[in-house]
Each structure stands twice: as C-alpha cells, then as structure tokens.
C-alpha cells in the first residue's frame, strides 16, 4: 500500500519536470521552431534587424515577432496582412 509521503513526492517530481519542460527546455527552442526562418515570421516576411519585415507591398508595418505570445494573435496578424504564419495558423 502506498503511503501519503510517497504519493506527495511523486506528484512533486512530476510537477517539477513539467515546469522544467515548459520553461527551461522549451520544445520550440530545442527544435529550432522559434529561430528558424519558416516560423519566426509570417510567410513572405523576412526577419531583419530584430523585426519581421514584409517582402511584398502591404499596409502592414514591421513588428517584433517575439512580442506576439499567442498563436491566435499571430495568425490574426498574418491573415490581416494577407498571408499565413506556419506554426501559428492551423
């Protein structure tokens, strides 16, 4: 029979591993997702001098892609600018 101390230690270890996975070993960084050209900026935009800049005529302004934290807001921005954003738009 499991005692309370063993259960609490197991739960604590699992929580520590989940926090470490999420904040220390961010899978997007480890897999190159954030810094690869395909997902740093929307399609047909280039990452230059810390900003995503369009490579086509648009009324959209360059922006810092690391300020956008949610997939939904990134996808909405890309679609508003007439393009797509791999990794953010599903």
N, C-alpha and C. Protein backbone atom coordinates (compact mmCIF):
# COMPACT_ATOMS: atom_id res chain seq x y z
N UNK A 1 0.84 -1.18 0.00
CA UNK A 1 0.00 0.00 0.00
C UNK A 1 0.89 1.24 0.00
N UNK A 2 0.52 2.19 -0.82
CA UNK A 2 1.28 3.43 -0.92
C UNK A 2 0.97 4.34 0.25
N UNK A 3 2.00 4.94 0.78
CA UNK A 3 1.74 5.89 1.86
C UNK A 3 1.68 7.31 1.30
N UNK A 4 1.20 8.23 2.07
CA UNK A 4 0.98 9.61 1.65
C UNK A 4 2.28 10.29 1.24
N UNK A 5 3.36 10.00 1.93
CA UNK A 5 4.64 10.64 1.62
C UNK A 5 5.12 10.24 0.22
N UNK A 6 4.99 8.99 -0.16
CA UNK A 6 5.40 8.53 -1.49
C UNK A 6 4.57 9.21 -2.57
N UNK A 7 3.29 9.31 -2.37
CA UNK A 7 2.40 9.96 -3.34
C UNK A 7 2.78 11.43 -3.50
N UNK A 8 3.00 12.13 -2.40
CA UNK A 8 3.36 13.54 -2.47
C UNK A 8 4.70 13.76 -3.17
N UNK A 9 5.66 12.90 -2.92
CA UNK A 9 6.97 13.01 -3.59
C UNK A 9 6.81 12.79 -5.09
N UNK A 10 6.03 11.80 -5.48
CA UNK A 10 5.80 11.54 -6.91
C UNK A 10 5.11 12.72 -7.59
N UNK A 11 4.09 13.27 -6.96
CA UNK A 11 3.39 14.43 -7.52
C UNK A 11 4.34 15.62 -7.63
N UNK A 12 5.16 15.84 -6.61
CA UNK A 12 6.13 16.94 -6.64
C UNK A 12 7.14 16.79 -7.75
N UNK A 13 7.65 15.58 -7.95
CA UNK A 13 8.63 15.33 -9.02
C UNK A 13 8.00 15.56 -10.38
N UNK A 14 6.79 15.09 -10.57
CA UNK A 14 6.10 15.29 -11.85
C UNK A 14 5.89 16.78 -12.11
N UNK A 15 5.47 17.53 -11.12
CA UNK A 15 5.27 18.98 -11.29
C UNK A 15 6.58 19.68 -11.62
N UNK A 16 7.65 19.31 -10.96
CA UNK A 16 8.96 19.92 -11.26
C UNK A 16 9.39 19.61 -12.69
N UNK A 17 9.18 18.37 -13.13
CA UNK A 17 9.54 18.00 -14.50
C UNK A 17 8.69 18.77 -15.52
N UNK A 18 7.40 18.94 -15.25
CA UNK A 18 6.54 19.69 -16.16
C UNK A 18 6.96 21.16 -16.25
N UNK A 19 7.28 21.76 -15.13
CA UNK A 19 7.73 23.16 -15.12
C UNK A 19 9.06 23.28 -15.86
N UNK A 20 9.98 22.35 -15.62
CA UNK A 20 11.28 22.38 -16.30
C UNK A 20 11.09 22.21 -17.80
N UNK A 21 10.21 21.32 -18.21
CA UNK A 21 9.96 21.11 -19.64
C UNK A 21 9.38 22.35 -20.28
N UNK A 22 8.46 22.99 -19.60
CA UNK A 22 7.77 24.15 -20.18
C UNK A 22 8.65 25.39 -20.21
N UNK A 23 9.40 25.66 -19.15
CA UNK A 23 10.12 26.93 -19.05
C UNK A 23 11.62 26.82 -19.28
N UNK A 24 12.22 25.69 -18.99
CA UNK A 24 13.66 25.57 -19.18
C UNK A 24 14.01 24.92 -20.51
N UNK A 25 13.27 23.92 -20.88
CA UNK A 25 13.54 23.19 -22.12
C UNK A 25 12.39 23.39 -23.09
N UNK A 26 12.11 24.63 -23.43
CA UNK A 26 11.01 24.96 -24.32
C UNK A 26 11.17 24.18 -25.62
N UNK A 27 10.23 23.29 -25.95
CA UNK A 27 10.39 22.44 -27.13
C UNK A 27 10.51 23.22 -28.43
N UNK A 28 9.90 24.39 -28.53
CA UNK A 28 10.03 25.18 -29.75
C UNK A 28 11.45 25.65 -29.95
N UNK A 29 12.13 26.00 -28.89
CA UNK A 29 13.52 26.45 -28.99
C UNK A 29 14.42 25.27 -29.30
N UNK A 30 14.22 24.14 -28.62
CA UNK A 30 15.06 22.97 -28.84
C UNK A 30 14.94 22.44 -30.26
N UNK A 31 13.75 22.51 -30.83
CA UNK A 31 13.55 22.02 -32.18
C UNK A 31 13.85 23.07 -33.24
N UNK A 32 14.23 24.25 -32.85
CA UNK A 32 14.55 25.30 -33.80
C UNK A 32 13.34 26.01 -34.34
N UNK A 33 12.19 25.83 -33.74
CA UNK A 33 10.97 26.42 -34.27
C UNK A 33 10.94 27.93 -34.18
N UNK A 34 11.40 28.49 -33.09
CA UNK A 34 11.32 29.93 -32.93
C UNK A 34 12.32 30.65 -33.82
N UNK A 35 13.50 30.10 -33.97
CA UNK A 35 14.54 30.81 -34.70
C UNK A 35 14.68 30.37 -36.15
N UNK A 36 13.91 29.41 -36.59
CA UNK A 36 14.01 29.02 -37.98
C UNK A 36 13.22 30.02 -38.83
N UNK A 37 13.68 30.25 -40.04
CA UNK A 37 13.08 31.28 -40.88
C UNK A 37 11.61 31.01 -41.17
N UNK A 38 11.24 29.74 -41.25
CA UNK A 38 9.87 29.40 -41.60
C UNK A 38 8.84 29.78 -40.56
N UNK A 39 9.21 29.89 -39.30
CA UNK A 39 8.21 30.18 -38.29
C UNK A 39 8.48 31.45 -37.50
N UNK A 40 9.62 32.07 -37.68
CA UNK A 40 9.89 33.31 -36.95
C UNK A 40 8.95 34.40 -37.42
N UNK A 41 8.70 34.44 -38.70
CA UNK A 41 7.84 35.47 -39.30
C UNK A 41 6.79 34.81 -40.18
N UNK A 42 5.75 35.56 -40.51
CA UNK A 42 4.75 35.03 -41.44
C UNK A 42 5.36 34.72 -42.81
N UNK A 43 4.64 33.95 -43.60
CA UNK A 43 5.08 33.63 -44.96
C UNK A 43 5.29 34.91 -45.76
N UNK A 44 6.39 34.96 -46.50
CA UNK A 44 6.78 36.10 -47.34
C UNK A 44 7.22 37.31 -46.51
N UNK A 45 7.57 37.09 -45.27
CA UNK A 45 8.17 38.13 -44.43
C UNK A 45 9.55 37.64 -44.06
N UNK A 46 10.48 38.56 -43.87
CA UNK A 46 11.86 38.22 -43.52
C UNK A 46 12.20 38.80 -42.15
N UNK A 47 12.99 38.06 -41.38
CA UNK A 47 13.45 38.52 -40.08
C UNK A 47 14.74 39.31 -40.28
N UNK A 48 14.65 40.64 -40.15
CA UNK A 48 15.79 41.53 -40.39
C UNK A 48 15.89 42.52 -39.23
N UNK A 49 17.07 42.61 -38.63
CA UNK A 49 17.33 43.57 -37.55
C UNK A 49 16.32 43.47 -36.40
N UNK A 50 15.93 42.26 -36.05
CA UNK A 50 15.04 42.06 -34.92
C UNK A 50 13.57 42.28 -35.21
N UNK A 51 13.23 42.52 -36.48
CA UNK A 51 11.83 42.74 -36.85
C UNK A 51 11.45 41.85 -38.02
N UNK A 52 10.19 41.48 -38.09
CA UNK A 52 9.65 40.83 -39.28
C UNK A 52 9.24 41.93 -40.24
N UNK A 53 9.80 41.87 -41.45
CA UNK A 53 9.51 42.90 -42.46
C UNK A 53 8.94 42.23 -43.70
N UNK A 54 7.89 42.83 -44.29
CA UNK A 54 7.25 42.22 -45.46
C UNK A 54 8.15 42.30 -46.68
N UNK A 55 8.08 41.27 -47.51
CA UNK A 55 8.82 41.28 -48.77
C UNK A 55 7.87 41.52 -49.94
N UNK A 56 6.72 42.09 -49.65
CA UNK A 56 5.74 42.44 -50.68
C UNK A 56 5.04 43.73 -50.25
N UNK A 57 4.33 44.33 -51.16
CA UNK A 57 3.64 45.60 -50.89
C UNK A 57 2.44 45.33 -49.97
N UNK A 58 2.44 46.00 -48.82
CA UNK A 58 1.36 45.84 -47.85
C UNK A 58 1.28 47.08 -46.98
N UNK A 59 0.13 47.29 -46.38
CA UNK A 59 -0.01 48.41 -45.46
C UNK A 59 0.45 48.03 -44.05
N UNK A 60 0.79 46.77 -43.85
CA UNK A 60 1.24 46.30 -42.53
C UNK A 60 2.66 46.77 -42.25
N UNK A 61 2.91 47.10 -40.99
CA UNK A 61 4.21 47.61 -40.56
C UNK A 61 5.07 46.47 -40.01
N UNK A 62 6.41 46.62 -40.07
CA UNK A 62 7.30 45.64 -39.44
C UNK A 62 7.01 45.53 -37.95
N UNK A 63 7.25 44.34 -37.39
CA UNK A 63 6.96 44.12 -35.97
C UNK A 63 7.96 43.14 -35.38
N UNK A 64 8.06 43.16 -34.05
CA UNK A 64 8.91 42.23 -33.32
C UNK A 64 8.12 40.95 -33.09
N UNK A 65 8.52 39.83 -33.69
CA UNK A 65 7.72 38.60 -33.58
C UNK A 65 7.72 37.99 -32.18
N UNK A 66 8.68 38.35 -31.35
CA UNK A 66 8.76 37.75 -30.02
C UNK A 66 7.84 38.44 -29.02
N UNK A 67 7.20 39.55 -29.44
CA UNK A 67 6.22 40.22 -28.60
C UNK A 67 4.88 39.48 -28.68
N UNK A 68 4.63 38.84 -29.80
CA UNK A 68 3.38 38.10 -30.00
C UNK A 68 3.51 36.76 -29.29
N UNK A 69 2.71 36.56 -28.27
CA UNK A 69 2.87 35.37 -27.45
C UNK A 69 1.86 34.27 -27.74
N UNK A 70 0.73 34.61 -28.35
CA UNK A 70 -0.27 33.57 -28.60
C UNK A 70 -0.35 33.25 -30.09
N UNK A 71 -0.70 32.00 -30.38
CA UNK A 71 -0.84 31.57 -31.77
C UNK A 71 -1.99 32.30 -32.45
N UNK A 72 -3.06 32.53 -31.72
CA UNK A 72 -4.24 33.17 -32.30
C UNK A 72 -3.92 34.59 -32.75
N UNK A 73 -3.24 35.37 -31.90
CA UNK A 73 -2.93 36.75 -32.28
C UNK A 73 -1.94 36.78 -33.44
N UNK A 74 -0.98 35.86 -33.46
CA UNK A 74 -0.04 35.80 -34.58
C UNK A 74 -0.72 35.44 -35.88
N UNK A 75 -1.62 34.49 -35.82
CA UNK A 75 -2.36 34.09 -37.02
C UNK A 75 -3.28 35.21 -37.50
N UNK A 76 -3.96 35.89 -36.58
CA UNK A 76 -4.82 37.01 -36.96
C UNK A 76 -4.01 38.11 -37.63
N UNK A 77 -2.84 38.41 -37.09
CA UNK A 77 -1.98 39.43 -37.70
C UNK A 77 -1.58 39.03 -39.11
N UNK A 78 -1.14 37.79 -39.27
CA UNK A 78 -0.72 37.32 -40.59
C UNK A 78 -1.86 37.38 -41.59
N UNK A 79 -3.02 36.93 -41.20
CA UNK A 79 -4.16 36.92 -42.13
C UNK A 79 -4.64 38.34 -42.44
N UNK A 80 -4.54 39.24 -41.47
CA UNK A 80 -4.88 40.64 -41.73
C UNK A 80 -3.94 41.23 -42.78
N UNK A 81 -2.70 40.76 -42.77
CA UNK A 81 -1.70 41.25 -43.73
C UNK A 81 -1.71 40.45 -45.02
N UNK A 82 -2.66 39.54 -45.19
CA UNK A 82 -2.82 38.81 -46.44
C UNK A 82 -1.88 37.64 -46.62
N UNK A 83 -1.44 37.04 -45.53
CA UNK A 83 -0.53 35.90 -45.64
C UNK A 83 -0.87 34.86 -44.57
N UNK A 84 0.01 33.91 -44.37
CA UNK A 84 -0.17 32.84 -43.41
C UNK A 84 1.05 32.80 -42.51
N UNK A 85 0.96 32.11 -41.37
CA UNK A 85 2.09 32.01 -40.46
C UNK A 85 2.23 30.56 -40.02
N UNK A 86 3.11 29.79 -40.66
CA UNK A 86 3.29 28.38 -40.28
C UNK A 86 3.65 28.26 -38.80
N UNK A 87 3.00 27.36 -38.12
CA UNK A 87 3.23 27.17 -36.70
C UNK A 87 2.25 27.94 -35.83
N UNK A 88 1.63 28.97 -36.39
CA UNK A 88 0.64 29.74 -35.63
C UNK A 88 -0.76 29.53 -36.21
N UNK A 89 -0.88 29.48 -37.52
CA UNK A 89 -2.17 29.25 -38.16
C UNK A 89 -2.33 27.76 -38.43
N UNK A 90 -3.42 27.20 -37.93
CA UNK A 90 -3.65 25.76 -38.09
C UNK A 90 -4.68 25.53 -39.16
